[in-house]
C-alpha atoms as a PDB file:
ATOM      1  CA  MET A   1      -0.065   0.244   0.037  1.00  0.00           C
ATOM      2  CA  SER A   2       1.249   3.731  -0.668  1.00  0.00           C
ATOM      3  CA  LYS A   3       2.049   6.170   1.814  1.00  0.00           C
ATOM      4  CA  TYR A   4      -1.328   7.827   0.531  1.00  0.00           C
ATOM      5  CA  SER A   5      -3.696   4.999   0.867  1.00  0.00           C
ATOM      6  CA  SER A   6      -2.393   4.393   4.286  1.00  0.00           C
ATOM      7  CA  ILE A   7      -3.045   8.125   5.186  1.00  0.00           C
ATOM      8  CA  LEU A   8      -6.546   7.247   3.855  1.00  0.00           C
ATOM      9  CA  GLU A   9      -6.698   4.090   5.778  1.00  0.00           C
ATOM     10  CA  ILE A  10      -5.706   6.146   8.879  1.00  0.00           C
ATOM     11  CA  GLN A  11      -8.480   8.835   8.436  1.00  0.00           C
ATOM     12  CA  SER A  12     -11.060   5.797   8.168  1.00  0.00           C
ATOM     13  CA  ILE A  13      -9.806   4.565  11.468  1.00  0.00           C
ATOM     14  CA  ALA A  14     -10.024   7.458  12.868  1.00  0.00           C
ATOM     15  CA  ALA A  15     -13.335   8.358  11.675  1.00  0.00           C
ATOM     16  CA  GLY A  16     -14.993   5.420  13.789  1.00  0.00           C
ATOM     17  CA  LEU A  17     -13.466   6.895  17.340  1.00  0.00           C
ATOM     18  CA  GLU A  18     -15.176   8.936  19.719  1.00  0.00           C
ATOM     19  CA  VAL A  19     -12.845  12.369  20.621  1.00  0.00           C
ATOM     20  CA  GLY A  20     -10.165  11.801  22.911  1.00  0.00           C
ATOM     21  CA  GLU A  21     -10.118   7.723  22.389  1.00  0.00           C
ATOM     22  CA  SER A  22      -7.024   5.941  21.061  1.00  0.00           C
ATOM     23  CA  CYS A  23      -6.852   2.139  19.686  1.00  0.00           C
ATOM     24  CA  ARG A  24      -3.784  -0.028  18.091  1.00  0.00           C
ATOM     25  CA  LYS A  25      -3.752  -1.097  14.690  1.00  0.00           C
ATOM     26  CA  VAL A  26      -1.577  -3.203  12.352  1.00  0.00           C
ATOM     27  CA  CYS A  27       0.084  -0.459  10.205  1.00  0.00           C
ATOM     28  CA  PRO A  28      -1.242  -0.139   6.374  1.00  0.00           C
ATOM     29  CA  LEU A  29       1.699   1.075   5.324  1.00  0.00           C
ATOM     30  CA  CYS A  30       4.640  -1.698   7.107  1.00  0.00           C
ATOM     31  CA  ASN A  31       1.659  -4.237   7.870  1.00  0.00           C
ATOM     32  CA  GLY A  32       3.713  -4.860  11.401  1.00  0.00           C
ATOM     33  CA  GLY A  33       6.856  -6.503   9.786  1.00  0.00           C
ATOM     34  CA  SER A  34       6.863 -10.268   9.431  1.00  0.00           C
ATOM     35  CA  THR A  35       4.944 -10.996  13.036  1.00  0.00           C
ATOM     36  CA  ARG A  36       2.283  -8.536  11.753  1.00  0.00           C
ATOM     37  CA  GLU A  37       2.779  -6.140  15.034  1.00  0.00           C
ATOM     38  CA  LYS A  38      -0.185  -3.559  16.033  1.00  0.00           C
ATOM     39  CA  SER A  39       2.494  -0.969  16.355  1.00  0.00           C
ATOM     40  CA  LEU A  40       0.406   2.091  14.724  1.00  0.00           C
ATOM     41  CA  VAL A  41      -1.531   4.066  16.960  1.00  0.00           C
ATOM     42  CA  VAL A  42      -4.326   6.397  16.206  1.00  0.00           C
ATOM     43  CA  THR A  43      -5.931   8.956  18.423  1.00  0.00           C
ATOM     44  CA  ARG A  44      -8.853  11.369  17.800  1.00  0.00           C
ATOM     45  CA  SER A  45      -8.142  14.441  19.639  1.00  0.00           C
ATOM     46  CA  ARG A  46     -10.822  16.553  18.093  1.00  0.00           C
ATOM     47  CA  ASP A  47     -13.832  16.518  15.957  1.00  0.00           C
ATOM     48  CA  THR A  48     -11.865  17.151  12.851  1.00  0.00           C
ATOM     49  CA  LYS A  49      -8.166  15.892  13.913  1.00  0.00           C
ATOM     50  CA  ALA A  50      -6.632  12.698  14.536  1.00  0.00           C
ATOM     51  CA  SER A  51      -3.143  11.772  15.181  1.00  0.00           C
ATOM     52  CA  PHE A  52      -0.852   9.389  14.561  1.00  0.00           C
ATOM     53  CA  ILE A  53       2.059   7.200  14.935  1.00  0.00           C
ATOM     54  CA  CYS A  54       3.724   3.980  13.720  1.00  0.00           C
ATOM     55  CA  PHE A  55       6.636   2.670  16.511  1.00  0.00           C
ATOM     56  CA  ARG A  56       8.373   0.443  13.804  1.00  0.00           C
ATOM     57  CA  ASN A  57      11.694   2.180  13.428  1.00  0.00           C
ATOM     58  CA  ASN A  58      12.169   0.778   9.978  1.00  0.00           C
ATOM     59  CA  CYS A  59       8.417   2.288   8.620  1.00  0.00           C
ATOM     60  CA  SER A  60       8.496   5.416   6.700  1.00  0.00           C
ATOM     61  CA  LEU A  61       5.254   6.465   7.953  1.00  0.00           C
ATOM     62  CA  ASN A  62       6.494   8.318  11.242  1.00  0.00           C
ATOM     63  CA  SER A  63       4.286  10.174  12.505  1.00  0.00           C
ATOM     64  CA  GLY A  64       1.778  13.169  12.076  1.00  0.00           C
ATOM     65  CA  HIS A  65      -2.014  14.627  11.520  1.00  0.00           C
ATOM     66  CA  VAL A  66      -4.856  13.855   9.398  1.00  0.00           C
ATOM     67  CA  ALA A  67      -8.111  15.234   8.936  1.00  0.00           C
ATOM     68  CA  VAL A  68     -10.924  13.131  10.176  1.00  0.00           C
ATOM     69  CA  PHE A  69     -14.047  12.283   7.649  1.00  0.00           C
ATOM     70  CA  THR A  70     -16.989  15.140   8.494  1.00  0.00           C
ATOM     71  CA  ASN A  71     -20.596  13.750   9.219  1.00  0.00           C
ATOM     72  CA  ASP A  72     -21.230  13.142   5.331  1.00  0.00           C
ATOM     73  CA  GLY A  73     -18.702  10.869   5.019  1.00  0.00           C
ATOM     74  CA  LYS A  74     -16.574  13.438   2.894  1.00  0.00           C
ATOM     75  CA  VAL A  75     -12.819  13.846   3.650  1.00  0.00           C
ATOM     76  CA  LEU A  76     -11.454  17.158   4.832  1.00  0.00           C
ATOM     77  CA  SER A  77      -7.968  16.527   3.045  1.00  0.00           C
ATOM     78  CA  ALA A  78      -5.542  13.399   2.889  1.00  0.00           C
ATOM     79  CA  LYS A  79      -2.038  14.753   3.434  1.00  0.00           C
ATOM     80  CA  SER A  80      -0.134  14.085   6.523  1.00  0.00           C
ATOM     81  CA  LYS A  81       1.669  16.969   8.844  1.00  0.00           C
ATOM     82  CA  PRO A  82       4.780  15.936  10.416  1.00  0.00           C
ATOM     83  CA  VAL A  83       5.325  16.667  13.753  1.00  0.00           C
ATOM     84  CA  SER A  84       7.796  19.525  13.827  1.00  0.00           C
ATOM     85  CA  LYS A  85      10.373  19.566  17.126  1.00  0.00           C
ATOM     86  CA  HIS A  86       9.547  22.214  19.720  1.00  0.00           C
ATOM     87  CA  SER A  87      11.981  24.932  19.611  1.00  0.00           C
ATOM     88  CA  SER A  88      13.345  24.375  23.395  1.00  0.00           C
ATOM     89  CA  GLU A  89      14.357  20.740  22.722  1.00  0.00           C
ATOM     90  CA  PRO A  90      17.819  21.062  24.476  1.00  0.00           C
ATOM     91  CA  LEU A  91      21.338  20.112  22.703  1.00  0.00           C
ATOM     92  CA  LEU A  92      22.699  17.362  24.124  1.00  0.00           C
ATOM     93  CA  PHE A  93      26.287  16.072  25.431  1.00  0.00           C
ATOM     94  CA  PRO A  94      28.214  12.856  26.370  1.00  0.00           C
ATOM     95  CA  LEU A  95      27.874  11.790  29.992  1.00  0.00           C
ATOM     96  CA  SER A  96      30.796  12.941  32.164  1.00  0.00           C
ATOM     97  CA  GLU A  97      32.701  10.893  34.110  1.00  0.00           C
ATOM     98  CA  ALA A  98      31.071  12.574  37.167  1.00  0.00           C
ATOM     99  CA  ALA A  99      27.555  11.604  35.614  1.00  0.00           C
ATOM    100  CA  ILE A 100      28.402   8.356  35.440  1.00  0.00           C
ATOM    101  CA  ASN A 101      30.135   7.736  38.841  1.00  0.00           C
ATOM    102  CA  LEU A 102      26.418   9.401  40.177  1.00  0.00           C
ATOM    103  CA  LEU A 103      24.563   7.125  38.220  1.00  0.00           C
ATOM    104  CA  ARG A 104      26.521   4.043  39.445  1.00  0.00           C
ATOM    105  CA  VAL A 105      26.818   4.831  43.143  1.00  0.00           C
ATOM    106  CA  LYS A 106      23.192   7.307  44.094  1.00  0.00           C
ATOM    107  CA  TYR A 107      21.041   4.991  41.697  1.00  0.00           C
ATOM    108  CA  GLY A 108      22.799   1.288  41.523  1.00  0.00           C
ATOM    109  CA  LEU A 109      22.735   1.228  37.690  1.00  0.00           C
ATOM    110  CA  GLU A 110      25.190  -1.065  35.910  1.00  0.00           C
ATOM    111  CA  ASP A 111      27.111   0.181  33.103  1.00  0.00           C
ATOM    112  CA  SER A 112      25.210  -1.788  30.610  1.00  0.00           C
ATOM    113  CA  MET A 113      21.763  -0.048  31.759  1.00  0.00           C
ATOM    114  CA  ILE A 114      23.637   3.598  31.610  1.00  0.00           C
ATOM    115  CA  ARG A 115      24.736   2.533  28.190  1.00  0.00           C
ATOM    116  CA  HIS A 116      21.535   1.129  27.000  1.00  0.00           C
ATOM    117  CA  SER A 117      19.162   3.969  27.945  1.00  0.00           C
ATOM    118  CA  GLY A 118      20.724   6.598  26.125  1.00  0.00           C
ATOM    119  CA  VAL A 119      21.298   9.129  28.917  1.00  0.00           C
ATOM    120  CA  LYS A 120      23.046  12.552  28.150  1.00  0.00           C
ATOM    121  CA  LEU A 121      23.539  15.698  29.471  1.00  0.00           C
ATOM    122  CA  THR A 122      22.333  19.418  28.863  1.00  0.00           C
ATOM    123  CA  ARG A 123      24.612  21.769  28.710  1.00  0.00           C
ATOM    124  CA  ASP A 124      23.985  22.754  32.229  1.00  0.00           C
ATOM    125  CA  GLN A 125      24.619  19.424  33.201  1.00  0.00           C
ATOM    126  CA  ARG A 126      21.325  17.770  33.826  1.00  0.00           C
ATOM    127  CA  LEU A 127      20.343  13.991  33.032  1.00  0.00           C
ATOM    128  CA  ALA A 128      18.372  14.130  29.581  1.00  0.00           C
ATOM    129  CA  PHE A 129      16.867  10.292  29.290  1.00  0.00           C
ATOM    130  CA  PRO A 130      15.306   9.613  25.704  1.00  0.00           C
ATOM    131  CA  LEU A 131      11.436   8.447  25.866  1.00  0.00           C
ATOM    132  CA  LYS A 132      11.679   5.323  24.548  1.00  0.00           C
ATOM    133  CA  GLY A 133       7.855   4.512  22.625  1.00  0.00           C
ATOM    134  CA  PRO A 134       6.795   0.874  22.450  1.00  0.00           C
ATOM    135  CA  TYR A 135       9.123  -0.415  19.728  1.00  0.00           C
ATOM    136  CA  GLY A 136      12.700   1.784  20.570  1.00  0.00           C
ATOM    137  CA  ARG A 137      11.765   4.654  18.705  1.00  0.00           C
ATOM    138  CA  SER A 138      12.762   7.878  20.831  1.00  0.00           C
ATOM    139  CA  VAL A 139       9.566  10.264  21.263  1.00  0.00           C
ATOM    140  CA  GLY A 140      10.799  12.948  23.564  1.00  0.00           C
ATOM    141  CA  LEU A 141      12.636  13.437  26.733  1.00  0.00           C
ATOM    142  CA  VAL A 142      12.943  13.670  30.524  1.00  0.00           C
ATOM    143  CA  ILE A 143      15.466  15.932  31.729  1.00  0.00           C
ATOM    144  CA  ARG A 144      16.430  15.494  35.263  1.00  0.00           C
ATOM    145  CA  LYS A 145      18.257  17.949  37.555  1.00  0.00           C
ATOM    146  CA  GLU A 146      21.023  16.224  40.334  1.00  0.00           C
ATOM    147  CA  LYS A 147      22.242  18.842  42.928  1.00  0.00           C
ATOM    148  CA  GLU A 148      25.635  17.305  42.322  1.00  0.00           C
ATOM    149  CA  LEU A 149      25.630  17.973  38.705  1.00  0.00           C
ATOM    150  CA  TYR A 150      23.911  21.186  37.856  1.00  0.00           C
ATOM    151  CA  LEU A 151      25.824  24.024  36.907  1.00  0.00           C
ATOM    152  CA  GLY A 152      22.908  26.568  35.670  1.00  0.00           C
ATOM    153  CA  ALA A 153      21.056  29.404  37.990  1.00  0.00           C
ATOM    154  CA  ARG A 154      21.862  30.002  41.356  1.00  0.00           C
ATOM    155  CA  GLU A 155      18.510  29.590  41.936  1.00  0.00           C
ATOM    156  CA  TYR A 156      18.307  25.738  42.205  1.00  0.00           C
ATOM    157  CA  SER A 157      15.122  25.702  43.560  1.00  0.00           C
ATOM    158  CA  THR A 158      13.485  28.020  40.396  1.00  0.00           C
ATOM    159  CA  ILE A 159      14.305  24.923  38.108  1.00  0.00           C
ATOM    160  CA  PRO A 160      12.077  21.949  38.236  1.00  0.00           C
ATOM    161  CA  LYS A 161      13.411  18.667  39.691  1.00  0.00           C
ATOM    162  CA  VAL A 162      12.139  16.901  36.590  1.00  0.00           C
ATOM    163  CA  TRP A 163      10.816  18.120  33.039  1.00  0.00           C
ATOM    164  CA  ASN A 164       9.233  15.924  30.649  1.00  0.00           C
ATOM    165  CA  PHE A 165       9.970  17.052  26.828  1.00  0.00           C
ATOM    166  CA  VAL A 166       7.103  14.733  24.471  1.00  0.00           C
ATOM    167  CA  ARG A 167       6.943  15.860  20.852  1.00  0.00           C
ATOM    168  CA  ASP A 168       3.482  15.046  20.422  1.00  0.00           C
ATOM    169  CA  GLU A 169       1.277  14.752  23.580  1.00  0.00           C
ATOM    170  CA  ASP A 170      -1.065  12.769  21.729  1.00  0.00           C
ATOM    171  CA  MET A 171       1.170  10.008  20.568  1.00  0.00           C
ATOM    172  CA  TYR A 172       2.838  10.029  24.124  1.00  0.00           C
ATOM    173  CA  CYS A 173       2.743   6.189  25.083  1.00  0.00           C
ATOM    174  CA  GLY A 174       5.384   5.783  28.485  1.00  0.00           C
ATOM    175  CA  SER A 175       8.827   4.936  27.858  1.00  0.00           C
ATOM    176  CA  TRP A 176       9.430   1.065  27.346  1.00  0.00           C
ATOM    177  CA  TYR A 177      12.539  -1.400  28.174  1.00  0.00           C
ATOM    178  CA  GLN A 178      12.172  -4.643  27.456  1.00  0.00           C
ATOM    179  CA  GLN A 179      14.118  -7.074  29.599  1.00  0.00           C
ATOM    180  CA  HIS A 180      17.724  -7.161  29.527  1.00  0.00           C
ATOM    181  CA  PHE A 181      17.059  -4.607  26.612  1.00  0.00           C
ATOM    182  CA  TYR A 182      16.124  -6.800  23.970  1.00  0.00           C
ATOM    183  CA  LYS A 183      14.268  -5.147  20.854  1.00  0.00           C
ATOM    184  CA  ARG A 184      10.862  -7.315  21.697  1.00  0.00           C
ATOM    185  CA  LYS A 185       8.697  -8.237  24.223  1.00  0.00           C
ATOM    186  CA  TYR A 186      10.800 -10.656  26.417  1.00  0.00           C
ATOM    187  CA  SER A 187       9.237 -11.442  29.892  1.00  0.00           C
ATOM    188  CA  ASP A 188       5.863 -12.364  30.103  1.00  0.00           C
ATOM    189  CA  THR A 189       6.154  -9.936  33.569  1.00  0.00           C
ATOM    190  CA  LEU A 190       5.596  -6.272  32.944  1.00  0.00           C
ATOM    191  CA  VAL A 191       6.461  -4.000  36.152  1.00  0.00           C
ATOM    192  CA  ILE A 192       5.086  -0.427  35.873  1.00  0.00           C
ATOM    193  CA  VAL A 193       6.885   2.093  37.762  1.00  0.00           C
ATOM    194  CA  GLU A 194       7.022   6.086  37.413  1.00  0.00           C
ATOM    195  CA  ASP A 195      10.396   7.348  36.512  1.00  0.00           C
ATOM    196  CA  ILE A 196      12.705   5.681  33.924  1.00  0.00           C
ATOM    197  CA  LEU A 197      15.500   5.100  36.612  1.00  0.00           C
ATOM    198  CA  SER A 198      13.735   2.815  38.502  1.00  0.00           C
ATOM    199  CA  ALA A 199      12.641   1.297  35.146  1.00  0.00           C
ATOM    200  CA  LEU A 200      16.320   0.349  34.472  1.00  0.00           C
ATOM    201  CA  ARG A 201      17.186  -0.486  38.141  1.00  0.00           C
ATOM    202  CA  LEU A 202      14.398  -3.502  37.213  1.00  0.00           C
ATOM    203  CA  THR A 203      15.606  -4.371  33.357  1.00  0.00           C
ATOM    204  CA  PRO A 204      17.361  -7.467  34.812  1.00  0.00           C
ATOM    205  CA  TYR A 205      14.314  -8.713  36.274  1.00  0.00           C
ATOM    206  CA  ALA A 206      11.263  -8.107  33.985  1.00  0.00           C
ATOM    207  CA  ASP A 207       9.730  -5.848  30.877  1.00  0.00           C
ATOM    208  CA  VAL A 208       9.296  -2.202  32.411  1.00  0.00           C
ATOM    209  CA  VAL A 209       7.534   0.730  31.496  1.00  0.00           C
ATOM    210  CA  ALA A 210       7.701   4.179  32.792  1.00  0.00           C
ATOM    211  CA  LEU A 211       4.664   6.721  33.353  1.00  0.00           C
ATOM    212  CA  THR A 212       7.048   9.657  34.128  1.00  0.00           C
ATOM    213  CA  GLY A 213       4.409  10.425  36.291  1.00  0.00           C
ATOM    214  CA  THR A 214       1.480   8.869  38.240  1.00  0.00           C
ATOM    215  CA  ASN A 215      -1.117   8.492  35.341  1.00  0.00           C
ATOM    216  CA  LEU A 216      -1.687   5.454  33.442  1.00  0.00           C
ATOM    217  CA  LEU A 217      -2.815   6.966  30.213  1.00  0.00           C
ATOM    218  CA  ARG A 218      -4.849   5.355  27.688  1.00  0.00           C
ATOM    219  CA  PRO A 219      -2.387   4.450  24.604  1.00  0.00           C
ATOM    220  CA  ILE A 220       0.110   2.999  27.480  1.00  0.00           C
ATOM    221  CA  LEU A 221      -2.804   0.981  28.783  1.00  0.00           C
ATOM    222  CA  GLU A 222      -3.957  -0.394  25.139  1.00  0.00           C
ATOM    223  CA  GLU A 223      -0.267  -1.252  25.014  1.00  0.00           C
ATOM    224  CA  ILE A 224      -0.272  -3.360  28.122  1.00  0.00           C
ATOM    225  CA  LYS A 225      -3.165  -5.117  26.790  1.00  0.00           C
ATOM    226  CA  ASP A 226      -2.069  -5.784  23.328  1.00  0.00           C
ATOM    227  CA  ARG A 227       1.032  -7.370  24.509  1.00  0.00           C
ATOM    228  CA  LYS A 228      -0.800  -9.839  26.952  1.00  0.00           C
ATOM    229  CA  TYR A 229       1.554  -9.964  29.617  1.00  0.00           C
ATOM    230  CA  GLY A 230       0.792 -12.952  32.417  1.00  0.00           C
ATOM    231  CA  ARG A 231       1.622 -10.527  35.691  1.00  0.00           C
ATOM    232  CA  VAL A 232       1.388  -6.970  35.924  1.00  0.00           C
ATOM    233  CA  TYR A 233       2.865  -5.203  38.693  1.00  0.00           C
ATOM    234  CA  LEU A 234       2.075  -1.577  39.434  1.00  0.00           C
ATOM    235  CA  ALA A 235       5.244   0.004  41.484  1.00  0.00           C
ATOM    236  CA  LEU A 236       4.703   3.486  41.992  1.00  0.00           C
ATOM    237  CA  ASP A 237       6.722   5.529  44.521  1.00  0.00           C
ATOM    238  CA  ASN A 238       5.907   5.205  48.270  1.00  0.00           C
ATOM    239  CA  ASP A 239       4.510   8.752  48.227  1.00  0.00           C
ATOM    240  CA  ALA A 240       2.019   7.811  45.511  1.00  0.00           C
ATOM    241  CA  ILE A 241       0.346   5.102  47.582  1.00  0.00           C
ATOM    242  CA  ASP A 242      -3.193   6.812  46.871  1.00  0.00           C
ATOM    243  CA  LYS A 243      -2.691   7.262  43.639  1.00  0.00           C
ATOM    244  CA  ALA A 244      -1.589   3.384  43.369  1.00  0.00           C
ATOM    245  CA  PHE A 245      -4.822   1.833  44.875  1.00  0.00           C
ATOM    246  CA  SER A 246      -6.754   4.258  43.039  1.00  0.00           C
ATOM    247  CA  ILE A 247      -5.642   2.810  39.535  1.00  0.00           C
ATOM    248  CA  MET A 248      -6.190  -0.828  40.807  1.00  0.00           C
ATOM    249  CA  ARG A 249      -9.902  -0.059  41.744  1.00  0.00           C
ATOM    250  CA  ARG A 250     -10.117   1.513  38.349  1.00  0.00           C
ATOM    251  CA  LEU A 251      -8.050  -1.289  36.160  1.00  0.00           C
ATOM    252  CA  HIS A 252      -9.734  -4.462  38.371  1.00  0.00           C
ATOM    253  CA  ASN A 253     -11.596  -5.616  35.554  1.00  0.00           C
ATOM    254  CA  THR A 254      -9.431  -3.998  32.531  1.00  0.00           C
ATOM    255  CA  ILE A 255      -6.676  -6.041  33.718  1.00  0.00           C
ATOM    256  CA  PRO A 256      -7.551  -8.668  35.961  1.00  0.00           C
ATOM    257  CA  ASN A 257      -3.925 -10.052  36.797  1.00  0.00           C
ATOM    258  CA  LEU A 258      -2.882  -6.554  37.779  1.00  0.00           C
ATOM    259  CA  ARG A 259      -0.866  -6.497  41.433  1.00  0.00           C
ATOM    260  CA  MET A 260       0.475  -4.040  43.453  1.00  0.00           C
ATOM    261  CA  LEU A 261       3.728  -3.956  44.932  1.00  0.00           C
ATOM    262  CA  PRO A 262       3.668  -2.237  48.293  1.00  0.00           C
ATOM    263  CA  LEU A 263       7.018  -0.244  48.286  1.00  0.00           C
ATOM    264  CA  GLU A 264       8.608   1.405  51.570  1.00  0.00           C
ATOM    265  CA  GLN A 265      11.126   2.832  49.679  1.00  0.00           C
ATOM    266  CA  ASP A 266      11.519   4.053  45.523  1.00  0.00           C
ATOM    267  CA  VAL A 267      12.943   1.508  42.867  1.00  0.00           C
ATOM    268  CA  LYS A 268      15.505   3.858  42.452  1.00  0.00           C
ATOM    269  CA  ASN A 269      16.755   4.278  45.725  1.00  0.00           C
ATOM    270  CA  MET A 270      17.032   0.373  46.853  1.00  0.00           C
ATOM    271  CA  SER A 271      19.969  -1.955  47.612  1.00  0.00           C
ATOM    272  CA  THR A 272      20.205  -4.953  45.022  1.00  0.00           C
ATOM    273  CA  GLU A 273      19.567  -7.476  47.827  1.00  0.00           C
ATOM    274  CA  ASN A 274      16.581  -5.755  49.257  1.00  0.00           C
ATOM    275  CA  LEU A 275      14.848  -4.804  45.731  1.00  0.00           C
ATOM    276  CA  GLU A 276      15.425  -8.801  44.615  1.00  0.00           C
ATOM    277  CA  LYS A 277      14.174  -9.940  48.213  1.00  0.00           C
ATOM    278  CA  ILE A 278      10.630  -7.757  47.434  1.00  0.00           C
ATOM    279  CA  LEU A 279      10.476  -9.209  43.825  1.00  0.00           C
ATOM    280  CA  THR A 280      11.070 -12.425  44.974  1.00  0.00           C
ATOM    281  CA  ASP A 281       8.425 -12.204  48.125  1.00  0.00           C
ATOM    282  CA  TYR A 282       5.720 -11.357  45.165  1.00  0.00           C
ATOM    283  CA  GLY A 283       6.636 -13.190  42.567  1.00  0.00           C
ATOM    284  CA  VAL A 284       8.059 -10.953  39.861  1.00  0.00           C
ATOM    285  CA  ILE A 285      11.150 -12.969  39.760  1.00  0.00           C
ATOM    286  CA  THR A 286      11.570 -16.667  41.136  1.00  0.00           C
ATOM    287  CA  TYR A 287      15.334 -18.347  42.337  1.00  0.00           C
ATOM    288  CA  ALA A 288      14.537 -20.492  38.795  1.00  0.00           C
ATOM    289  CA  ASN A 289      15.849 -17.054  36.980  1.00  0.00           C
END
């Protein structure tokens, strides 16, 4: 199918969605590759507008916006509009030895975790983690300030600790990491966490998705359902326990195998010994692993 015909197909898909609704489909251009993955996300953001993205790296469809059919079935436009980068996306630089040591000592990241994360530094020495879509494509950045590294304004408190830069809000689907950094779903277990540092700590044990917050958005939920994990665990930071209970109640029927990991300490701040004990006690990992 041509790219033009693919856009028409996306318009047809979007016409069947309610405003604010998203769906996962096989991409009409790349056909999901040899495994027929549902790598296309279509979101109807307005009555007359929808956003789309294919998360497969070798698909030329990429991301964009299309007009939606009107009530009488007439197509308003058949052209895709590429998503432009936000002008404030920062320049990035390789990690310094001080930054690498901080990630090792403060957050317990192994060198392989640091390397696969793709983390870099901004000009003022903040950590910049790529937001990785479900199939590895970068969809934005999470900029994190660490007082041990930061070289910016003197008024440290005026700079937010964490800043999320998403190139297209309509397409945001969390930041995904397969166990051992495989390119495809590797584990039958998924752990949902708040931040990327916690996600990286868990990659030796399971597949992980970082919400970069405490909201489990619809596109993330659709991706979880589509992957059909046998076990799904919610491991929000200990200061978000009320939010965790709210998510558990809301998704009780949608993800019946969802369990909560009660944490007394954030995953990123745990020792490896304590982390593995909790994961073993709650069945995330077994001694057979």
